[in-house]
């Protein structure tokens, strides 16, 4: 049985990712995500998030790995409670696994988005937010 905090993401299509500036101010961003269980610690849930490599959230996470996540609408309106986590940039093997999970969840929308991303030569990065 999943804890209530994790179970709230079961049917969510978007999550609100809050990352923190050097000043401590939070910046919230609604994003697509895929949920998985950590392969090294089954009590840890991992939320994978796809982003452009130069995005502000990537820069903020490099300075401060603390992050919060909550289910939300596409516009960012909260639909649940915040959960604290620790974020990191995925290595290529984990990123490949995450991209596969994201494609399974979002299907054609993600495939079309990936096509245009490659066409425009955007570099993509995958973030893992781990919560217990």
N, C-alpha and C. Protein backbone atom coordinates (compact mmCIF):
# COMPACT_ATOMS: atom_id res chain seq x y z
N UNK A 1 0.84 -1.19 0.00
CA UNK A 1 0.00 0.00 0.00
C UNK A 1 0.88 1.25 0.00
N UNK A 2 0.55 2.21 -0.87
CA UNK A 2 1.31 3.45 -0.98
C UNK A 2 0.90 4.44 0.10
N UNK A 3 1.88 5.20 0.62
CA UNK A 3 1.51 6.28 1.53
C UNK A 3 0.63 7.30 0.80
N UNK A 4 -0.22 7.99 1.56
CA UNK A 4 -1.17 8.94 0.97
C UNK A 4 -0.48 9.99 0.11
N UNK A 5 0.68 10.49 0.57
CA UNK A 5 1.40 11.52 -0.17
C UNK A 5 1.79 11.07 -1.57
N UNK A 6 2.19 9.80 -1.70
CA UNK A 6 2.59 9.25 -3.00
C UNK A 6 1.36 8.86 -3.81
N UNK A 7 0.35 8.31 -3.16
CA UNK A 7 -0.85 7.84 -3.85
C UNK A 7 -1.57 8.98 -4.59
N UNK A 8 -1.42 10.21 -4.13
CA UNK A 8 -2.10 11.34 -4.78
C UNK A 8 -1.64 11.57 -6.22
N UNK A 9 -0.50 10.99 -6.60
CA UNK A 9 0.03 11.17 -7.95
C UNK A 9 -0.44 10.09 -8.92
N UNK A 10 -1.15 9.08 -8.43
CA UNK A 10 -1.51 7.91 -9.23
C UNK A 10 -2.19 8.25 -10.55
N UNK A 11 -3.12 9.20 -10.54
CA UNK A 11 -3.85 9.54 -11.78
C UNK A 11 -3.46 10.90 -12.33
N UNK A 12 -2.51 11.55 -11.71
CA UNK A 12 -2.13 12.91 -12.13
C UNK A 12 -1.38 12.87 -13.46
N UNK A 13 -1.63 13.85 -14.30
CA UNK A 13 -0.92 14.00 -15.57
C UNK A 13 0.22 15.01 -15.44
N UNK A 14 0.13 15.90 -14.45
CA UNK A 14 1.14 16.94 -14.25
C UNK A 14 1.49 17.03 -12.78
N UNK A 15 2.70 17.46 -12.53
CA UNK A 15 3.06 17.80 -11.16
C UNK A 15 3.69 19.17 -11.15
N UNK A 16 3.57 19.83 -10.03
CA UNK A 16 4.17 21.13 -9.85
C UNK A 16 5.51 20.88 -9.18
N UNK A 17 6.57 21.27 -9.84
CA UNK A 17 7.93 21.11 -9.31
C UNK A 17 8.36 22.46 -8.76
N UNK A 18 8.70 22.49 -7.48
CA UNK A 18 9.20 23.72 -6.89
C UNK A 18 10.69 23.57 -6.63
N UNK A 19 11.47 24.44 -7.25
CA UNK A 19 12.90 24.50 -7.04
C UNK A 19 13.21 25.83 -6.37
N UNK A 20 14.42 25.96 -5.84
CA UNK A 20 14.71 27.11 -5.00
C UNK A 20 15.92 27.90 -5.50
N UNK A 21 15.73 29.22 -5.54
CA UNK A 21 16.81 30.14 -5.91
C UNK A 21 17.83 30.20 -4.78
N UNK A 22 18.97 30.82 -5.07
CA UNK A 22 20.00 31.00 -4.04
C UNK A 22 19.48 31.80 -2.85
N UNK A 23 18.51 32.66 -3.10
CA UNK A 23 17.92 33.48 -2.03
C UNK A 23 16.96 32.67 -1.16
N UNK A 24 16.61 31.47 -1.61
CA UNK A 24 15.65 30.63 -0.89
C UNK A 24 14.24 30.74 -1.42
N UNK A 25 14.01 31.66 -2.34
CA UNK A 25 12.68 31.83 -2.93
C UNK A 25 12.35 30.65 -3.84
N UNK A 26 11.14 30.11 -3.69
CA UNK A 26 10.72 28.98 -4.50
C UNK A 26 10.18 29.42 -5.85
N UNK A 27 10.43 28.58 -6.87
CA UNK A 27 9.91 28.81 -8.23
C UNK A 27 9.16 27.55 -8.62
N UNK A 28 7.88 27.69 -8.92
CA UNK A 28 7.03 26.54 -9.26
C UNK A 28 6.86 26.42 -10.76
N UNK A 29 6.94 25.18 -11.24
CA UNK A 29 6.81 24.90 -12.67
C UNK A 29 5.95 23.66 -12.87
N UNK A 30 4.81 23.76 -13.56
CA UNK A 30 4.04 22.55 -13.88
C UNK A 30 4.76 21.78 -14.99
N UNK A 31 4.90 20.46 -14.80
CA UNK A 31 5.66 19.63 -15.75
C UNK A 31 4.99 18.26 -15.90
N UNK A 32 5.33 17.60 -17.01
CA UNK A 32 4.98 16.19 -17.18
C UNK A 32 5.91 15.38 -16.30
N UNK A 33 5.47 14.20 -15.88
CA UNK A 33 6.32 13.35 -15.05
C UNK A 33 5.95 11.89 -15.23
N UNK A 34 6.87 11.04 -14.86
CA UNK A 34 6.63 9.60 -14.77
C UNK A 34 7.11 9.16 -13.39
N UNK A 35 6.36 8.26 -12.80
CA UNK A 35 6.65 7.80 -11.44
C UNK A 35 7.22 6.40 -11.49
N UNK A 36 8.21 6.13 -10.64
CA UNK A 36 8.84 4.81 -10.58
C UNK A 36 9.30 4.56 -9.14
N UNK A 37 9.67 3.35 -8.87
CA UNK A 37 10.25 2.97 -7.57
C UNK A 37 11.76 2.91 -7.74
N UNK A 38 12.48 3.40 -6.75
CA UNK A 38 13.94 3.37 -6.80
C UNK A 38 14.42 1.92 -6.88
N UNK A 39 15.40 1.67 -7.74
CA UNK A 39 15.95 0.32 -7.88
C UNK A 39 16.91 -0.02 -6.75
N UNK A 40 17.43 0.99 -6.08
CA UNK A 40 18.38 0.75 -4.99
C UNK A 40 17.69 0.77 -3.62
N UNK A 41 16.53 1.42 -3.50
CA UNK A 41 15.81 1.50 -2.23
C UNK A 41 14.30 1.50 -2.51
N UNK A 42 13.65 0.35 -2.36
CA UNK A 42 12.21 0.25 -2.71
C UNK A 42 11.28 1.16 -1.91
N UNK A 43 11.75 1.75 -0.81
CA UNK A 43 10.89 2.66 -0.04
C UNK A 43 10.93 4.08 -0.61
N UNK A 44 11.72 4.29 -1.66
CA UNK A 44 11.86 5.61 -2.27
C UNK A 44 11.13 5.63 -3.61
N UNK A 45 10.29 6.64 -3.80
CA UNK A 45 9.62 6.85 -5.08
C UNK A 45 10.40 7.90 -5.85
N UNK A 46 10.54 7.66 -7.16
CA UNK A 46 11.26 8.59 -8.02
C UNK A 46 10.28 9.18 -9.02
N UNK A 47 10.29 10.51 -9.14
CA UNK A 47 9.51 11.21 -10.16
C UNK A 47 10.51 11.69 -11.21
N UNK A 48 10.32 11.23 -12.46
CA UNK A 48 11.20 11.65 -13.56
C UNK A 48 10.53 12.79 -14.31
N UNK A 49 11.32 13.81 -14.59
CA UNK A 49 10.83 15.01 -15.26
C UNK A 49 11.77 15.34 -16.40
N UNK A 50 11.21 15.67 -17.55
CA UNK A 50 11.93 15.97 -18.77
C UNK A 50 12.03 17.49 -18.90
N UNK A 51 13.20 18.02 -19.22
CA UNK A 51 13.37 19.46 -19.31
C UNK A 51 14.44 19.81 -20.32
N UNK A 52 14.39 21.04 -20.81
CA UNK A 52 15.49 21.54 -21.63
C UNK A 52 16.71 21.72 -20.74
N UNK A 53 17.88 21.41 -21.27
CA UNK A 53 19.11 21.43 -20.49
C UNK A 53 19.43 22.81 -19.92
N UNK A 54 19.06 23.87 -20.60
CA UNK A 54 19.38 25.22 -20.14
C UNK A 54 18.27 25.88 -19.32
N UNK A 55 17.24 25.14 -18.96
CA UNK A 55 16.11 25.72 -18.24
C UNK A 55 16.52 26.19 -16.84
N UNK A 56 15.80 27.16 -16.35
CA UNK A 56 16.08 27.71 -15.02
C UNK A 56 16.02 26.67 -13.92
N UNK A 57 15.08 25.73 -14.02
CA UNK A 57 14.96 24.71 -12.97
C UNK A 57 16.21 23.84 -12.90
N UNK A 58 16.86 23.59 -14.03
CA UNK A 58 18.10 22.81 -14.04
C UNK A 58 19.20 23.59 -13.34
N UNK A 59 19.31 24.86 -13.64
CA UNK A 59 20.32 25.70 -12.99
C UNK A 59 20.09 25.77 -11.49
N UNK A 60 18.82 25.94 -11.08
CA UNK A 60 18.52 26.03 -9.65
C UNK A 60 18.84 24.71 -8.95
N UNK A 61 18.54 23.58 -9.59
CA UNK A 61 18.81 22.28 -8.97
C UNK A 61 20.30 22.00 -8.82
N UNK A 62 21.09 22.52 -9.72
CA UNK A 62 22.54 22.35 -9.58
C UNK A 62 23.06 23.10 -8.35
N UNK A 63 22.42 24.21 -7.99
CA UNK A 63 22.82 24.98 -6.82
C UNK A 63 22.20 24.46 -5.52
N UNK A 64 21.00 23.88 -5.63
CA UNK A 64 20.28 23.43 -4.44
C UNK A 64 19.41 22.23 -4.83
N UNK A 65 19.74 21.02 -4.38
CA UNK A 65 18.98 19.83 -4.78
C UNK A 65 17.62 19.68 -4.09
N UNK A 66 17.33 20.52 -3.08
CA UNK A 66 16.03 20.43 -2.42
C UNK A 66 14.93 20.83 -3.40
N UNK A 67 13.89 20.02 -3.45
CA UNK A 67 12.75 20.30 -4.33
C UNK A 67 11.48 19.82 -3.65
N UNK A 68 10.37 20.34 -4.11
CA UNK A 68 9.06 19.88 -3.64
C UNK A 68 8.21 19.56 -4.86
N UNK A 69 7.32 18.58 -4.70
CA UNK A 69 6.40 18.21 -5.79
C UNK A 69 4.99 18.10 -5.23
N UNK A 70 4.02 18.41 -6.08
CA UNK A 70 2.60 18.27 -5.75
C UNK A 70 1.84 18.06 -7.06
N UNK A 71 0.79 17.24 -7.06
CA UNK A 71 0.00 17.09 -8.28
C UNK A 71 -0.68 18.41 -8.61
N UNK A 72 -0.84 18.67 -9.91
CA UNK A 72 -1.43 19.95 -10.33
C UNK A 72 -2.13 19.80 -11.68
N UNK A 73 -2.77 20.87 -12.09
CA UNK A 73 -3.36 20.94 -13.42
C UNK A 73 -2.28 21.39 -14.39
N UNK A 74 -2.61 21.41 -15.67
CA UNK A 74 -1.65 21.84 -16.69
C UNK A 74 -1.21 23.29 -16.46
N UNK A 75 -2.06 24.09 -15.84
CA UNK A 75 -1.72 25.49 -15.59
C UNK A 75 -1.00 25.69 -14.25
N UNK A 76 -0.86 24.62 -13.46
CA UNK A 76 -0.12 24.71 -12.21
C UNK A 76 -0.96 24.82 -10.96
N UNK A 77 -2.29 24.81 -11.09
CA UNK A 77 -3.15 24.87 -9.90
C UNK A 77 -3.01 23.56 -9.12
N UNK A 78 -2.73 23.67 -7.84
CA UNK A 78 -2.49 22.49 -7.02
C UNK A 78 -3.72 21.61 -6.88
N UNK A 79 -3.47 20.30 -6.88
CA UNK A 79 -4.55 19.32 -6.70
C UNK A 79 -4.21 18.36 -5.57
N UNK A 80 -3.25 18.72 -4.74
CA UNK A 80 -2.84 17.86 -3.64
C UNK A 80 -1.83 18.56 -2.77
N UNK A 81 -1.21 17.78 -1.89
CA UNK A 81 -0.26 18.38 -0.94
C UNK A 81 1.17 18.28 -1.44
N UNK A 82 2.00 19.19 -0.96
CA UNK A 82 3.42 19.21 -1.31
C UNK A 82 4.15 18.09 -0.59
N UNK A 83 5.14 17.52 -1.28
CA UNK A 83 6.02 16.51 -0.70
C UNK A 83 7.45 16.96 -0.97
N UNK A 84 8.27 16.95 0.07
CA UNK A 84 9.68 17.32 -0.08
C UNK A 84 10.47 16.18 -0.70
N UNK A 85 11.46 16.55 -1.49
CA UNK A 85 12.31 15.55 -2.12
C UNK A 85 13.69 16.11 -2.41
N UNK A 86 14.51 15.25 -2.97
CA UNK A 86 15.86 15.62 -3.35
C UNK A 86 16.00 15.35 -4.84
N UNK A 87 16.40 16.36 -5.59
CA UNK A 87 16.47 16.25 -7.06
C UNK A 87 17.92 16.10 -7.52
N UNK A 88 18.06 15.46 -8.67
CA UNK A 88 19.37 15.31 -9.28
C UNK A 88 19.18 15.14 -10.79
N UNK A 89 20.25 15.42 -11.51
CA UNK A 89 20.26 15.21 -12.97
C UNK A 89 20.61 13.74 -13.20
N UNK A 90 19.86 13.08 -14.07
CA UNK A 90 20.08 11.65 -14.34
C UNK A 90 21.25 11.42 -15.27
N UNK A 91 21.96 10.30 -15.05
CA UNK A 91 22.98 9.89 -16.02
C UNK A 91 22.26 9.30 -17.22
N UNK A 92 22.98 9.00 -18.29
CA UNK A 92 22.35 8.61 -19.55
C UNK A 92 21.55 7.32 -19.45
N UNK A 93 22.03 6.31 -18.71
CA UNK A 93 21.28 5.05 -18.63
C UNK A 93 19.96 5.25 -17.88
N UNK A 94 19.98 6.01 -16.80
CA UNK A 94 18.74 6.27 -16.06
C UNK A 94 17.82 7.18 -16.88
N UNK A 95 18.40 8.12 -17.60
CA UNK A 95 17.60 9.02 -18.45
C UNK A 95 16.88 8.23 -19.54
N UNK A 96 17.54 7.22 -20.10
CA UNK A 96 16.90 6.38 -21.13
C UNK A 96 15.69 5.65 -20.54
N UNK A 97 15.85 5.12 -19.33
CA UNK A 97 14.74 4.45 -18.64
C UNK A 97 13.60 5.45 -18.39
N UNK A 98 13.94 6.65 -17.93
CA UNK A 98 12.93 7.67 -17.66
C UNK A 98 12.20 8.08 -18.93
N UNK A 99 12.92 8.26 -20.03
CA UNK A 99 12.28 8.64 -21.30
C UNK A 99 11.29 7.56 -21.74
N UNK A 100 11.65 6.30 -21.51
CA UNK A 100 10.75 5.20 -21.85
C UNK A 100 9.47 5.27 -21.01
N UNK A 101 9.60 5.54 -19.72
CA UNK A 101 8.43 5.67 -18.84
C UNK A 101 7.57 6.86 -19.26
N UNK A 102 8.20 7.97 -19.60
CA UNK A 102 7.46 9.16 -20.04
C UNK A 102 6.72 8.90 -21.35
N UNK A 103 7.35 8.18 -22.28
CA UNK A 103 6.70 7.86 -23.55
C UNK A 103 5.52 6.93 -23.32
N UNK A 104 5.66 5.96 -22.40
CA UNK A 104 4.54 5.08 -22.08
C UNK A 104 3.36 5.87 -21.52
N UNK A 105 3.64 6.87 -20.71
CA UNK A 105 2.57 7.64 -20.07
C UNK A 105 1.92 8.64 -21.02
N UNK A 106 2.72 9.35 -21.83
CA UNK A 106 2.19 10.44 -22.65
C UNK A 106 2.05 10.09 -24.13
N UNK A 107 2.59 8.96 -24.55
CA UNK A 107 2.39 8.45 -25.90
C UNK A 107 2.74 9.40 -27.02
N UNK A 108 1.77 9.59 -27.91
CA UNK A 108 1.98 10.38 -29.13
C UNK A 108 2.39 11.82 -28.83
N UNK A 109 1.83 12.42 -27.78
CA UNK A 109 2.20 13.80 -27.44
C UNK A 109 3.70 13.92 -27.18
N UNK A 110 4.26 12.98 -26.44
CA UNK A 110 5.69 13.04 -26.15
C UNK A 110 6.50 12.73 -27.41
N UNK A 111 6.07 11.79 -28.19
CA UNK A 111 6.78 11.44 -29.42
C UNK A 111 6.85 12.64 -30.37
N UNK A 112 5.75 13.34 -30.53
CA UNK A 112 5.72 14.53 -31.39
C UNK A 112 6.61 15.63 -30.78
N UNK A 113 6.52 15.82 -29.49
CA UNK A 113 7.36 16.81 -28.82
C UNK A 113 8.84 16.51 -28.98
N UNK A 114 9.20 15.22 -28.86
CA UNK A 114 10.60 14.82 -29.06
C UNK A 114 11.07 15.11 -30.48
N UNK A 115 10.19 14.85 -31.44
CA UNK A 115 10.54 15.10 -32.84
C UNK A 115 10.89 16.58 -33.05
N UNK A 116 10.02 17.47 -32.58
CA UNK A 116 10.27 18.90 -32.76
C UNK A 116 11.46 19.37 -31.93
N UNK A 117 11.67 18.77 -30.79
CA UNK A 117 12.82 19.12 -29.97
C UNK A 117 14.12 18.80 -30.71
N UNK A 118 14.17 17.61 -31.33
CA UNK A 118 15.36 17.23 -32.12
C UNK A 118 15.51 18.12 -33.34
N UNK A 119 14.38 18.42 -33.99
CA UNK A 119 14.39 19.27 -35.17
C UNK A 119 14.98 20.65 -34.85
N UNK A 120 14.62 21.18 -33.69
CA UNK A 120 15.11 22.49 -33.26
C UNK A 120 16.44 22.41 -32.52
N UNK A 121 16.98 21.19 -32.44
CA UNK A 121 18.28 20.93 -31.79
C UNK A 121 18.32 21.36 -30.33
N UNK A 122 17.23 21.13 -29.62
CA UNK A 122 17.19 21.41 -28.18
C UNK A 122 17.83 20.24 -27.45
N UNK A 123 18.61 20.53 -26.45
CA UNK A 123 19.19 19.47 -25.62
C UNK A 123 18.26 19.22 -24.45
N UNK A 124 17.96 17.96 -24.23
CA UNK A 124 17.05 17.58 -23.15
C UNK A 124 17.81 16.96 -21.99
N UNK A 125 17.28 17.16 -20.80
CA UNK A 125 17.85 16.62 -19.57
C UNK A 125 16.70 15.97 -18.80
N UNK A 126 17.01 14.91 -18.08
CA UNK A 126 16.01 14.27 -17.24
C UNK A 126 16.41 14.49 -15.78
N UNK A 127 15.43 14.94 -15.00
CA UNK A 127 15.60 15.17 -13.57
C UNK A 127 14.92 14.02 -12.84
N UNK A 128 15.55 13.54 -11.77
CA UNK A 128 14.93 12.57 -10.87
C UNK A 128 14.72 13.26 -9.53
N UNK A 129 13.48 13.26 -9.06
CA UNK A 129 13.17 13.78 -7.72
C UNK A 129 12.80 12.57 -6.87
N UNK A 130 13.60 12.32 -5.84
CA UNK A 130 13.39 11.17 -4.97
C UNK A 130 12.69 11.61 -3.70
N UNK A 131 11.61 10.89 -3.35
CA UNK A 131 10.87 11.15 -2.12
C UNK A 131 10.67 9.83 -1.36
N UNK A 132 10.65 9.93 -0.05
CA UNK A 132 10.44 8.72 0.77
C UNK A 132 9.03 8.66 1.29
